[in-house]
Amino acid sequence: MGIEICQNSAIDDWDKAQRLADQFNLRALHKRLHQFARRYYPAIRHFPVQYHWIIIQAEYAADIIVFRQACLQDIYGTLTRTAIHAVKADNIAPFLGCKLILLRMM
């Protein structure tokens, strides 16, 4: 898959990206994690147990991808009004690597 950087997006073939996500093999991941556990914690070989692998945190992207400006025009007003009311500086600052400092007026 080729890559073209556009803002923070690095995908140029969305259909292929979706196919790759659909083919994600959780069993293969568990097998690989067991291999790592045996390699880096060899004492596990002496106990009749295995690790139980779970995903406790997963990120689901809420990005909106619009390929034609005309499609965006229909939702632009609602989208920007919602963002203005829902997203605050303390949501954005950590994403940008910044720390907010509260200043009190006397």
Protein backbone atom coordinates (compact mmCIF):
# COMPACT_ATOMS: atom_id res chain seq x y z
CA MET A 1 0.00 0.00 0.00
CA GLY A 2 1.43 3.36 -0.94
CA ILE A 3 1.39 6.25 1.47
CA GLU A 4 0.52 9.87 0.92
CA ILE A 5 0.60 12.19 3.91
CA CYS A 6 -2.36 14.56 3.99
CA GLN A 7 -2.65 16.38 7.32
CA ASN A 8 -2.59 13.43 9.75
CA SER A 9 -3.81 10.82 7.27
CA ALA A 10 -1.38 8.35 5.74
CA ILE A 11 -3.65 6.13 3.63
CA ASP A 12 -4.06 6.33 -0.09
CA ASP A 13 -6.17 3.22 -0.72
CA TRP A 14 -9.16 3.18 1.65
CA ASP A 15 -10.64 -0.04 0.27
CA LYS A 16 -7.35 -1.86 0.82
CA ALA A 17 -7.06 -0.42 4.33
CA GLN A 18 -10.53 -1.73 5.16
CA ARG A 19 -9.70 -5.18 3.76
CA LEU A 20 -6.57 -5.29 5.92
CA ALA A 21 -8.57 -4.34 9.02
CA ASP A 22 -11.21 -6.98 8.21
CA GLN A 23 -8.49 -9.65 7.89
CA PHE A 24 -6.93 -8.94 11.31
CA ASN A 25 -6.23 -12.35 12.81
CA LEU A 26 -6.67 -12.23 16.57
CA ARG A 27 -5.56 -15.87 16.99
CA ALA A 28 -2.29 -15.13 15.24
CA LEU A 29 -1.76 -12.17 17.57
CA HIS A 30 -2.42 -14.38 20.63
CA LYS A 31 0.01 -16.99 19.31
CA ARG A 32 2.70 -14.34 18.88
CA LEU A 33 2.05 -12.94 22.36
CA HIS A 34 2.43 -16.46 23.84
CA GLN A 35 5.76 -16.75 22.03
CA PHE A 36 6.91 -13.47 23.57
CA ALA A 37 5.78 -14.62 27.02
CA ARG A 38 7.76 -17.86 26.73
CA ARG A 39 10.81 -15.97 25.50
CA TYR A 40 10.80 -13.14 28.02
CA TYR A 41 9.29 -14.98 30.98
CA PRO A 42 10.69 -18.51 30.71
CA ALA A 43 9.45 -19.47 34.18
CA ILE A 44 5.98 -19.82 32.68
CA ARG A 45 7.11 -23.17 31.23
CA HIS A 46 7.17 -24.59 34.77
CA PHE A 47 3.53 -23.80 35.55
CA PRO A 48 0.42 -25.40 34.04
CA VAL A 49 -1.01 -22.02 33.04
CA GLN A 50 -1.10 -19.71 30.07
CA TYR A 51 -1.57 -16.02 29.84
CA HIS A 52 -5.05 -14.88 28.90
CA TRP A 53 -4.71 -12.04 26.41
CA ILE A 54 -7.40 -9.39 26.21
CA ILE A 55 -7.62 -5.99 24.63
CA ILE A 56 -8.56 -3.57 27.37
CA GLN A 57 -8.16 -0.46 25.30
CA ALA A 58 -8.75 0.02 21.62
CA GLU A 59 -8.99 3.21 19.66
CA TYR A 60 -11.73 3.61 17.17
CA ALA A 61 -11.21 6.52 14.87
CA ALA A 62 -14.02 9.01 14.66
CA ASP A 63 -12.47 10.78 11.71
CA ILE A 64 -14.72 11.89 8.92
CA ILE A 65 -13.33 11.33 5.46
CA VAL A 66 -14.94 13.33 2.69
CA PHE A 67 -13.77 12.90 -0.86
CA ARG A 68 -15.97 15.56 -2.47
CA GLN A 69 -16.55 19.09 -1.19
CA ALA A 70 -20.23 18.95 -2.16
CA CYS A 71 -20.76 16.10 0.32
CA LEU A 72 -19.17 18.09 3.13
CA GLN A 73 -21.34 21.17 2.49
CA ASP A 74 -24.46 19.29 3.62
CA ILE A 75 -23.07 18.56 7.10
CA TYR A 76 -20.54 21.37 7.58
CA GLY A 77 -22.75 23.68 9.66
CA THR A 78 -23.88 20.95 12.06
CA LEU A 79 -20.37 19.54 12.28
CA THR A 80 -18.71 22.84 13.16
CA ARG A 81 -21.43 23.87 15.66
CA THR A 82 -21.13 20.49 17.40
CA ALA A 83 -17.33 20.77 17.54
CA ILE A 84 -17.50 24.28 18.99
CA HIS A 85 -19.81 23.15 21.80
CA ALA A 86 -18.30 19.72 22.47
CA VAL A 87 -14.55 20.16 22.10
CA LYS A 88 -12.78 22.30 24.68
CA ALA A 89 -9.21 23.53 25.02
CA ASP A 90 -8.41 20.89 27.63
CA ASN A 91 -9.35 18.23 25.05
CA ILE A 92 -7.07 19.70 22.39
CA ALA A 93 -4.02 20.81 24.38
CA PRO A 94 -2.77 17.30 25.34
CA PHE A 95 -3.22 16.15 21.74
CA LEU A 96 -0.92 18.99 20.68
CA GLY A 97 1.56 18.16 23.43
CA CYS A 98 0.70 21.29 25.45
CA LYS A 99 -0.20 21.80 29.07
CA LEU A 100 -2.88 24.29 30.05
CA ILE A 101 -2.11 26.70 32.85
CA LEU A 102 -5.01 28.17 34.77
CA LEU A 103 -4.57 31.88 35.46
CA ARG A 104 -6.70 33.52 38.11
CA MET A 105 -7.67 37.15 37.83
CA MET A 106 -7.44 39.09 41.08
